[in-house]
N, C-alpha and C. Protein backbone atom coordinates (compact mmCIF):
# COMPACT_ATOMS: atom_id res chain seq x y z
N MET A 1 84.01 40.78 -48.05
CA MET A 1 83.46 39.74 -48.83
C MET A 1 83.40 38.37 -48.18
N SER A 2 84.52 38.13 -47.75
CA SER A 2 84.48 36.49 -46.95
C SER A 2 83.45 36.45 -45.80
N LEU A 3 83.14 37.73 -45.21
CA LEU A 3 82.25 37.66 -44.00
C LEU A 3 80.85 37.25 -44.73
N ARG A 4 80.54 37.64 -45.67
CA ARG A 4 79.41 37.66 -46.65
C ARG A 4 79.20 36.11 -47.00
N ILE A 5 80.33 35.47 -47.70
CA ILE A 5 80.35 34.24 -47.78
C ILE A 5 79.93 33.44 -46.63
N VAL A 6 80.65 33.62 -45.53
CA VAL A 6 80.73 32.69 -44.27
C VAL A 6 79.26 32.84 -43.84
N TRP A 7 78.79 33.99 -43.94
CA TRP A 7 77.21 34.26 -43.44
C TRP A 7 76.31 33.48 -44.28
N ARG A 8 76.39 33.81 -45.44
CA ARG A 8 75.62 32.68 -46.35
C ARG A 8 75.72 31.31 -46.10
N ALA A 9 76.97 30.79 -45.98
CA ALA A 9 76.94 29.20 -45.87
C ALA A 9 76.50 28.84 -44.46
N ALA A 10 76.50 29.73 -43.44
CA ALA A 10 75.91 29.46 -42.15
C ALA A 10 74.18 29.46 -42.32
N LEU A 11 73.83 30.44 -43.25
CA LEU A 11 72.36 30.14 -43.35
C LEU A 11 71.79 29.11 -44.11
N VAL A 12 72.94 28.40 -45.11
CA VAL A 12 72.27 27.30 -45.74
C VAL A 12 72.39 26.23 -44.64
N THR A 13 73.47 26.06 -44.01
CA THR A 13 73.80 25.02 -43.31
C THR A 13 72.51 24.97 -42.04
N LEU A 14 72.05 26.12 -41.85
CA LEU A 14 70.78 26.26 -40.78
C LEU A 14 69.66 25.63 -41.11
N ALA A 15 69.50 26.30 -42.75
CA ALA A 15 68.22 25.73 -43.41
C ALA A 15 68.27 24.43 -43.38
N ALA A 16 69.41 23.87 -43.86
CA ALA A 16 69.25 22.16 -44.29
C ALA A 16 69.28 21.62 -42.99
N SER A 17 69.72 21.82 -41.84
CA SER A 17 69.76 21.03 -40.52
C SER A 17 68.31 21.16 -40.25
N GLY A 18 67.43 22.44 -40.22
CA GLY A 18 66.11 22.75 -40.18
C GLY A 18 65.46 21.43 -41.07
N ALA A 19 65.52 21.52 -42.03
CA ALA A 19 64.75 20.41 -43.21
C ALA A 19 65.01 19.09 -42.72
N LEU A 20 66.10 18.67 -42.29
CA LEU A 20 66.58 17.54 -41.93
C LEU A 20 65.76 17.09 -40.52
N ALA A 21 65.90 18.15 -39.70
CA ALA A 21 65.01 17.79 -38.29
C ALA A 21 63.61 17.75 -38.71
N SER A 22 63.27 18.14 -39.39
CA SER A 22 61.60 18.17 -39.61
C SER A 22 61.25 17.05 -40.34
N ARG A 23 62.07 16.35 -41.29
CA ARG A 23 61.54 15.02 -41.67
C ARG A 23 61.88 14.10 -40.65
N ALA A 24 62.99 14.07 -39.84
CA ALA A 24 63.21 13.08 -38.62
C ALA A 24 61.77 13.16 -37.75
N PHE A 25 61.12 14.36 -37.70
CA PHE A 25 60.20 14.44 -36.68
C PHE A 25 58.98 13.75 -37.33
N GLY A 26 58.76 13.77 -38.85
CA GLY A 26 57.64 13.42 -39.47
C GLY A 26 57.78 11.77 -39.53
N GLN A 27 59.25 11.37 -39.76
CA GLN A 27 59.33 9.93 -39.78
C GLN A 27 58.80 9.33 -38.49
N GLU A 28 59.06 9.92 -37.13
CA GLU A 28 58.79 9.41 -35.84
C GLU A 28 57.16 9.41 -35.97
N TYR A 29 56.38 10.12 -36.30
CA TYR A 29 54.84 10.26 -36.22
C TYR A 29 54.47 9.41 -37.15
N PHE A 30 55.07 9.04 -38.48
CA PHE A 30 54.52 8.38 -39.42
C PHE A 30 53.93 7.21 -39.05
N GLY A 31 52.67 6.78 -39.48
CA GLY A 31 52.18 5.36 -38.95
C GLY A 31 51.11 5.60 -37.67
N GLN A 32 51.17 6.36 -36.88
CA GLN A 32 50.58 6.60 -35.51
C GLN A 32 48.85 6.80 -35.86
N ASN A 33 48.73 7.36 -36.76
CA ASN A 33 47.19 7.20 -36.94
C ASN A 33 46.35 6.30 -37.67
N GLN A 34 47.18 5.56 -38.05
CA GLN A 34 46.65 4.10 -38.90
C GLN A 34 45.67 3.28 -38.04
N VAL A 35 44.45 3.14 -38.71
CA VAL A 35 43.53 2.40 -38.03
C VAL A 35 43.92 1.24 -37.31
N GLN A 36 43.45 1.00 -36.32
CA GLN A 36 43.59 -0.54 -35.53
C GLN A 36 42.93 -1.44 -35.76
N TYR A 37 42.98 -2.53 -36.43
CA TYR A 37 41.92 -3.60 -36.60
C TYR A 37 41.83 -4.42 -35.54
N LYS A 38 40.70 -4.78 -35.63
CA LYS A 38 40.25 -6.18 -34.71
C LYS A 38 40.38 -7.30 -35.25
N ASP A 39 40.58 -8.51 -34.25
CA ASP A 39 40.28 -9.72 -34.80
C ASP A 39 39.21 -10.14 -34.16
N PHE A 40 37.99 -10.53 -35.00
CA PHE A 40 36.53 -10.89 -34.45
C PHE A 40 36.66 -12.55 -34.34
N ASP A 41 36.20 -12.83 -33.40
CA ASP A 41 35.83 -14.25 -32.92
C ASP A 41 34.62 -14.68 -33.50
N TRP A 42 34.44 -14.94 -34.50
CA TRP A 42 33.06 -15.01 -35.00
C TRP A 42 32.52 -16.47 -34.32
N GLN A 43 31.28 -16.18 -34.23
CA GLN A 43 30.38 -17.47 -33.81
C GLN A 43 29.16 -17.52 -34.88
N VAL A 44 28.29 -18.38 -34.78
CA VAL A 44 27.30 -18.66 -35.72
C VAL A 44 26.08 -19.22 -35.09
N ILE A 45 24.97 -18.39 -35.48
CA ILE A 45 23.27 -18.75 -34.80
C ILE A 45 22.92 -19.17 -36.15
N GLU A 46 22.40 -20.34 -36.11
CA GLU A 46 21.77 -21.28 -37.26
C GLU A 46 20.25 -21.03 -37.07
N THR A 47 19.76 -20.49 -38.22
CA THR A 47 18.15 -20.46 -37.93
C THR A 47 17.50 -21.20 -38.89
N GLU A 48 16.20 -21.39 -39.40
CA GLU A 48 15.77 -22.16 -40.60
C GLU A 48 16.23 -21.61 -41.94
N HIS A 49 16.31 -20.22 -41.85
CA HIS A 49 16.82 -20.08 -43.48
C HIS A 49 18.04 -19.17 -43.35
N TRP A 50 18.74 -18.90 -42.33
CA TRP A 50 19.91 -17.76 -42.30
C TRP A 50 21.10 -18.67 -41.53
N LEU A 51 22.09 -18.11 -41.62
CA LEU A 51 23.62 -18.53 -40.86
C LEU A 51 23.80 -16.97 -40.37
N ILE A 52 23.71 -16.90 -39.14
CA ILE A 52 23.92 -15.18 -38.49
C ILE A 52 25.22 -15.56 -37.99
N HIS A 53 26.17 -14.85 -38.39
CA HIS A 53 27.53 -14.62 -38.10
C HIS A 53 27.80 -13.39 -36.95
N TYR A 54 28.40 -13.61 -35.90
CA TYR A 54 28.32 -12.62 -35.09
C TYR A 54 29.55 -12.84 -34.04
N TYR A 55 30.12 -11.76 -33.33
CA TYR A 55 30.89 -12.30 -32.30
C TYR A 55 30.40 -12.15 -30.74
N PRO A 56 31.04 -12.99 -29.82
CA PRO A 56 30.36 -13.04 -28.53
C PRO A 56 30.02 -11.57 -28.01
N SER A 57 30.46 -10.54 -28.04
CA SER A 57 30.04 -9.38 -27.18
C SER A 57 28.72 -8.86 -27.77
N GLU A 58 28.32 -9.40 -28.83
CA GLU A 58 26.82 -8.88 -29.51
C GLU A 58 25.88 -9.99 -29.51
N ARG A 59 25.91 -11.09 -28.93
CA ARG A 59 25.24 -12.25 -28.86
C ARG A 59 23.47 -11.57 -28.69
N VAL A 60 23.49 -11.06 -27.76
CA VAL A 60 21.95 -10.48 -27.53
C VAL A 60 21.50 -9.99 -28.81
N ALA A 61 22.21 -8.77 -29.20
CA ALA A 61 21.59 -8.20 -30.42
C ALA A 61 21.61 -9.16 -31.93
N ALA A 62 22.16 -9.95 -31.83
CA ALA A 62 22.52 -11.14 -33.06
C ALA A 62 21.27 -11.82 -32.74
N MET A 63 20.70 -12.32 -31.55
CA MET A 63 19.61 -13.33 -31.38
C MET A 63 18.51 -12.14 -31.93
N GLN A 64 18.55 -11.09 -31.34
CA GLN A 64 17.29 -10.09 -31.93
C GLN A 64 17.36 -10.01 -33.63
N GLY A 65 18.65 -9.86 -33.94
CA GLY A 65 18.66 -9.70 -35.53
C GLY A 65 18.37 -11.05 -36.21
N ALA A 66 18.56 -12.34 -35.49
CA ALA A 66 18.09 -13.61 -36.21
C ALA A 66 16.35 -13.64 -36.09
N ARG A 67 15.68 -13.14 -34.99
CA ARG A 67 14.39 -13.27 -35.03
C ARG A 67 13.82 -11.96 -36.05
N MET A 68 14.55 -11.04 -36.20
CA MET A 68 14.00 -9.99 -37.35
C MET A 68 14.07 -10.70 -38.76
N ALA A 69 15.32 -11.14 -38.87
CA ALA A 69 15.62 -11.92 -40.21
C ALA A 69 14.54 -13.12 -40.60
N GLU A 70 14.25 -13.78 -39.56
CA GLU A 70 13.12 -15.00 -39.81
C GLU A 70 11.72 -14.51 -40.47
N ARG A 71 11.62 -13.32 -39.31
CA ARG A 71 10.08 -12.44 -39.45
C ARG A 71 9.98 -11.84 -40.90
N ASP A 72 11.37 -11.21 -41.33
CA ASP A 72 11.21 -10.55 -42.47
C ASP A 72 11.38 -11.50 -43.96
N TYR A 73 12.03 -12.65 -43.62
CA TYR A 73 12.04 -13.91 -44.46
C TYR A 73 10.46 -14.41 -44.86
N ALA A 74 9.72 -14.67 -43.95
CA ALA A 74 8.63 -15.04 -44.01
C ALA A 74 7.64 -14.15 -44.92
N ARG A 75 7.70 -12.84 -44.55
CA ARG A 75 6.80 -11.69 -45.17
C ARG A 75 7.37 -11.70 -46.56
N LEU A 76 8.59 -11.52 -46.94
CA LEU A 76 9.13 -11.50 -48.42
C LEU A 76 8.88 -12.76 -49.38
N SER A 77 8.94 -14.14 -48.61
CA SER A 77 8.99 -15.12 -49.17
C SER A 77 7.42 -15.21 -49.71
N HIS A 78 6.42 -14.58 -49.02
CA HIS A 78 5.08 -14.71 -49.22
C HIS A 78 4.78 -14.00 -50.18
N ILE A 79 5.46 -12.57 -50.31
CA ILE A 79 4.96 -11.53 -50.94
C ILE A 79 5.55 -12.08 -52.41
N LEU A 80 6.84 -12.36 -52.60
CA LEU A 80 7.40 -12.55 -53.56
C LEU A 80 7.34 -14.17 -54.41
N GLY A 81 6.60 -14.96 -53.30
CA GLY A 81 6.31 -16.72 -53.87
C GLY A 81 7.66 -16.96 -54.16
N HIS A 82 8.56 -17.01 -53.30
CA HIS A 82 9.98 -17.49 -53.41
C HIS A 82 10.54 -18.09 -52.17
N GLU A 83 11.17 -19.20 -52.33
CA GLU A 83 11.96 -19.66 -50.97
C GLU A 83 13.49 -19.82 -51.51
N PHE A 84 14.21 -19.80 -50.46
CA PHE A 84 15.55 -20.07 -50.58
C PHE A 84 15.67 -21.86 -50.54
N ARG A 85 16.63 -22.25 -51.45
CA ARG A 85 17.01 -23.71 -51.14
C ARG A 85 18.09 -23.96 -50.32
N GLU A 86 18.62 -22.93 -50.08
CA GLU A 86 19.71 -22.83 -48.95
C GLU A 86 20.14 -21.86 -47.86
N LYS A 87 20.66 -22.07 -46.55
CA LYS A 87 20.84 -20.90 -45.74
C LYS A 87 21.65 -20.19 -46.26
N LYS A 88 21.50 -18.73 -45.90
CA LYS A 88 22.10 -17.66 -46.46
C LYS A 88 22.90 -16.92 -45.19
N PRO A 89 24.34 -16.68 -45.55
CA PRO A 89 24.75 -15.81 -44.20
C PRO A 89 24.78 -14.64 -44.19
N ILE A 90 24.29 -13.90 -42.78
CA ILE A 90 24.33 -12.49 -42.51
C ILE A 90 25.44 -12.24 -41.55
N LEU A 91 26.28 -11.44 -41.84
CA LEU A 91 27.20 -11.18 -40.89
C LEU A 91 27.02 -9.63 -40.11
N PHE A 92 26.58 -9.93 -39.18
CA PHE A 92 26.55 -8.69 -38.04
C PHE A 92 27.59 -7.93 -37.46
N PHE A 93 28.13 -6.79 -37.39
CA PHE A 93 29.11 -5.94 -36.94
C PHE A 93 28.53 -5.47 -35.54
N ALA A 94 29.19 -5.39 -34.57
CA ALA A 94 28.62 -4.64 -33.29
C ALA A 94 28.52 -3.41 -33.48
N SER A 95 29.29 -2.52 -34.24
CA SER A 95 28.97 -0.94 -34.65
C SER A 95 29.59 -0.58 -35.84
N ARG A 96 29.26 0.64 -36.25
CA ARG A 96 29.38 0.98 -37.73
C ARG A 96 31.25 1.31 -37.68
N ALA A 97 31.79 1.17 -36.85
CA ALA A 97 33.25 1.63 -36.74
C ALA A 97 33.74 -0.07 -37.26
N ASP A 98 33.09 -1.18 -36.72
CA ASP A 98 33.35 -2.65 -36.79
C ASP A 98 33.02 -3.01 -38.47
N PHE A 99 31.98 -2.27 -38.71
CA PHE A 99 31.52 -2.58 -39.76
C PHE A 99 32.54 -2.14 -41.08
N GLY A 100 33.12 -0.75 -40.85
CA GLY A 100 33.89 -0.38 -41.99
C GLY A 100 35.26 -1.22 -41.95
N GLN A 101 35.80 -2.19 -41.15
CA GLN A 101 36.70 -2.68 -41.01
C GLN A 101 36.76 -4.10 -41.64
N ASN A 102 35.31 -4.45 -42.44
CA ASN A 102 35.08 -5.55 -42.95
C ASN A 102 35.97 -5.60 -44.20
N ASN A 103 36.71 -7.06 -44.78
CA ASN A 103 37.65 -7.23 -45.78
C ASN A 103 36.72 -7.52 -47.01
N VAL A 104 35.37 -7.34 -46.92
CA VAL A 104 34.52 -7.83 -48.25
C VAL A 104 34.50 -6.52 -49.12
N THR A 105 34.13 -5.54 -48.73
CA THR A 105 33.72 -4.36 -49.06
C THR A 105 34.56 -3.25 -48.76
N GLY A 106 35.09 -3.21 -47.60
CA GLY A 106 35.91 -2.17 -47.11
C GLY A 106 34.87 -1.16 -46.65
N ASP A 107 35.35 0.18 -46.38
CA ASP A 107 34.44 1.25 -45.71
C ASP A 107 33.81 1.91 -46.74
N LEU A 108 32.46 1.68 -46.67
CA LEU A 108 31.57 2.58 -47.61
C LEU A 108 30.91 3.55 -47.33
N GLY A 109 31.19 4.35 -46.23
CA GLY A 109 30.94 5.41 -45.79
C GLY A 109 29.73 5.33 -44.80
N GLU A 110 29.43 6.59 -43.76
CA GLU A 110 28.88 6.72 -42.81
C GLU A 110 27.50 6.13 -43.15
N GLY A 111 26.91 6.56 -44.46
CA GLY A 111 25.47 6.42 -44.82
C GLY A 111 25.10 4.86 -44.83
N THR A 112 25.99 4.03 -45.15
CA THR A 112 25.66 2.63 -45.23
C THR A 112 25.05 1.77 -44.42
N GLY A 113 23.90 1.19 -44.22
CA GLY A 113 23.31 0.85 -43.67
C GLY A 113 23.41 -0.58 -43.35
N GLY A 114 23.94 -1.29 -44.74
CA GLY A 114 24.13 -2.58 -44.98
C GLY A 114 24.59 -2.98 -46.37
N VAL A 115 24.84 -4.22 -46.76
CA VAL A 115 25.54 -4.46 -47.84
C VAL A 115 25.16 -5.70 -48.21
N THR A 116 24.52 -6.35 -49.66
CA THR A 116 24.25 -7.55 -49.86
C THR A 116 25.42 -7.78 -51.10
N GLU A 117 25.97 -9.05 -50.84
CA GLU A 117 26.90 -9.25 -51.95
C GLU A 117 26.37 -10.43 -52.79
N PRO A 118 26.13 -9.87 -54.24
CA PRO A 118 25.37 -10.64 -55.10
C PRO A 118 26.07 -12.02 -55.67
N LEU A 119 27.04 -12.12 -55.46
CA LEU A 119 28.00 -13.32 -56.10
C LEU A 119 27.99 -14.22 -54.80
N ARG A 120 28.06 -14.27 -53.32
CA ARG A 120 28.24 -14.84 -52.51
C ARG A 120 27.01 -14.87 -51.76
N HIS A 121 26.09 -14.44 -52.07
CA HIS A 121 24.59 -14.31 -51.53
C HIS A 121 24.66 -14.20 -50.09
N ARG A 122 25.53 -13.14 -49.60
CA ARG A 122 25.43 -13.05 -48.13
C ARG A 122 25.14 -11.46 -47.70
N MET A 123 24.84 -11.11 -46.64
CA MET A 123 24.81 -9.72 -46.25
C MET A 123 25.27 -9.32 -45.26
N LEU A 124 25.96 -7.90 -44.97
CA LEU A 124 26.66 -7.42 -44.00
C LEU A 124 25.83 -6.14 -43.34
N MET A 125 25.69 -6.41 -42.04
CA MET A 125 25.04 -5.38 -41.46
C MET A 125 25.46 -4.78 -40.08
N PRO A 126 25.52 -3.63 -39.92
CA PRO A 126 26.17 -2.85 -38.75
C PRO A 126 24.98 -3.03 -37.53
N PHE A 127 25.21 -3.27 -36.41
CA PHE A 127 24.41 -2.66 -35.26
C PHE A 127 24.89 -1.11 -35.10
N THR A 128 23.73 -0.39 -34.90
CA THR A 128 23.98 1.04 -34.12
C THR A 128 23.15 1.38 -32.95
N GLY A 129 22.82 0.17 -32.47
CA GLY A 129 21.71 0.58 -31.32
C GLY A 129 20.37 0.86 -31.40
N ASP A 130 20.19 1.05 -32.84
CA ASP A 130 18.78 1.43 -33.28
C ASP A 130 17.89 0.05 -34.07
N PHE A 131 17.30 -0.52 -33.37
CA PHE A 131 16.74 -1.74 -33.53
C PHE A 131 15.58 -1.53 -34.96
N ARG A 132 14.78 -0.41 -34.69
CA ARG A 132 14.20 -0.24 -35.82
C ARG A 132 14.83 0.28 -37.16
N GLY A 133 16.02 1.00 -37.14
CA GLY A 133 16.75 1.27 -38.27
C GLY A 133 17.52 -0.23 -38.63
N LEU A 134 17.74 -1.14 -37.63
CA LEU A 134 18.44 -2.18 -38.19
C LEU A 134 17.40 -3.13 -38.91
N GLU A 135 16.17 -3.18 -38.60
CA GLU A 135 15.05 -3.78 -39.40
C GLU A 135 14.69 -3.27 -40.60
N HIS A 136 14.79 -2.06 -40.76
CA HIS A 136 14.70 -1.22 -42.02
C HIS A 136 15.79 -1.77 -42.87
N GLY A 137 16.95 -1.53 -42.50
CA GLY A 137 18.00 -1.85 -43.31
C GLY A 137 18.10 -3.41 -43.87
N LEU A 138 17.84 -4.29 -42.77
CA LEU A 138 17.89 -5.44 -43.08
C LEU A 138 16.83 -6.22 -43.86
N THR A 139 15.65 -5.65 -43.73
CA THR A 139 14.55 -5.80 -44.95
C THR A 139 14.84 -5.50 -46.24
N HIS A 140 15.39 -4.29 -46.24
CA HIS A 140 15.99 -3.43 -47.52
C HIS A 140 17.09 -4.54 -48.39
N GLU A 141 18.06 -5.00 -47.51
CA GLU A 141 19.00 -6.06 -47.95
C GLU A 141 18.36 -7.46 -48.35
N MET A 142 17.68 -7.81 -47.47
CA MET A 142 16.80 -8.96 -47.64
C MET A 142 16.19 -8.91 -49.22
N THR A 143 15.60 -7.96 -49.35
CA THR A 143 14.98 -7.77 -50.57
C THR A 143 15.90 -7.97 -51.83
N HIS A 144 17.34 -7.30 -51.73
CA HIS A 144 17.98 -7.51 -52.85
C HIS A 144 18.64 -9.17 -52.60
N GLU A 145 18.56 -9.81 -51.48
CA GLU A 145 19.08 -11.27 -51.61
C GLU A 145 18.09 -12.00 -52.10
N PHE A 146 16.91 -11.33 -52.11
CA PHE A 146 15.87 -12.32 -52.79
C PHE A 146 15.84 -11.96 -54.56
N GLN A 147 16.17 -10.87 -54.93
CA GLN A 147 16.30 -10.77 -56.08
C GLN A 147 17.60 -11.53 -56.52
N PHE A 148 18.66 -11.42 -55.89
CA PHE A 148 20.03 -12.21 -56.57
C PHE A 148 19.31 -13.62 -56.54
N ASP A 149 18.62 -14.28 -55.61
CA ASP A 149 18.63 -15.70 -55.63
C ASP A 149 17.31 -15.81 -56.87
N ILE A 150 16.55 -14.98 -56.90
CA ILE A 150 15.44 -15.28 -57.95
C ILE A 150 16.16 -15.26 -59.53
N PHE A 151 17.46 -14.39 -59.48
CA PHE A 151 17.95 -14.10 -60.63
C PHE A 151 18.78 -15.11 -61.13
N ALA A 152 19.59 -15.65 -60.13
CA ALA A 152 20.21 -16.84 -60.03
C ALA A 152 20.02 -18.22 -60.52
N ARG A 153 18.44 -18.32 -60.23
CA ARG A 153 17.84 -19.52 -60.34
C ARG A 153 17.13 -19.57 -61.72
N GLY A 154 17.18 -18.07 -62.26
CA GLY A 154 16.56 -18.05 -63.46
C GLY A 154 14.97 -18.18 -63.73
N ARG A 155 14.56 -17.46 -62.46
CA ARG A 155 13.18 -17.55 -62.36
C ARG A 155 12.61 -16.13 -62.15
N ALA A 156 11.66 -15.87 -62.49
CA ALA A 156 10.88 -14.47 -62.40
C ALA A 156 10.02 -14.84 -60.82
N ALA A 157 9.90 -13.34 -60.36
CA ALA A 157 9.19 -13.52 -59.13
C ALA A 157 7.82 -14.15 -59.05
N GLY A 158 7.61 -14.80 -58.09
CA GLY A 158 6.31 -15.68 -58.00
C GLY A 158 6.45 -17.14 -58.09
N GLY A 159 8.08 -17.37 -58.62
CA GLY A 159 8.32 -18.88 -58.94
C GLY A 159 8.11 -19.49 -60.20
N THR A 160 7.53 -18.58 -61.14
CA THR A 160 7.46 -19.06 -62.35
C THR A 160 8.71 -19.01 -63.45
N PRO A 161 8.94 -20.25 -64.17
CA PRO A 161 10.28 -20.10 -64.60
C PRO A 161 10.42 -18.80 -65.86
N HIS A 162 11.48 -18.54 -65.79
CA HIS A 162 11.78 -17.33 -66.79
C HIS A 162 11.50 -17.81 -68.28
N PRO A 163 10.73 -17.12 -69.07
CA PRO A 163 10.41 -17.49 -70.51
C PRO A 163 11.65 -18.34 -71.17
N SER A 164 12.80 -17.97 -70.91
CA SER A 164 13.90 -18.66 -71.64
C SER A 164 13.85 -20.12 -71.27
N GLN A 165 13.33 -20.27 -69.82
CA GLN A 165 13.69 -21.69 -69.37
C GLN A 165 12.66 -22.40 -69.32
N ALA A 166 11.55 -21.75 -69.87
CA ALA A 166 10.03 -22.62 -69.88
C ALA A 166 9.94 -23.80 -70.76
N THR A 167 9.57 -24.92 -70.30
CA THR A 167 9.43 -26.17 -71.14
C THR A 167 7.97 -26.05 -71.89
N PRO A 168 8.33 -26.47 -73.12
CA PRO A 168 7.53 -26.50 -73.93
C PRO A 168 6.16 -27.11 -73.69
N PRO A 169 5.04 -26.70 -74.04
CA PRO A 169 3.78 -27.65 -73.73
C PRO A 169 3.49 -29.10 -74.54
């Protein structure tokens, strides 16, 4: 009987040491898959209607984005009969992965082609290497920017005052 007790004690000791060893291995591994965030050295291109924020590795693409933004602004401003009073910021990210690191919205998923922030009136756009897709996303987000600007100023589209703010005749 004592042999049986010794045998059980040996099994319990072996199982406990195995559990401790696996915890130690897990502790060693913990944190190695965490996302490594970059520090972005932001620069600004100022256009007639936009403050284009980018980092130096994407200057050429940011210049293309700035031209697209001005072209889209002219078209949407004409269609909606509305102009901005101040320049609005656009933050361009060099890749979808960099875009996922932003500290404004966090990563919204792979399908997100841009974001317009209603309270701060700024847009966040990733470059994916597809300029046609970038312009499509930029136009989409810019439409939201116009909506937010129109609503913030209490005006209906076309520049007419909202009925609640119209001056009596």
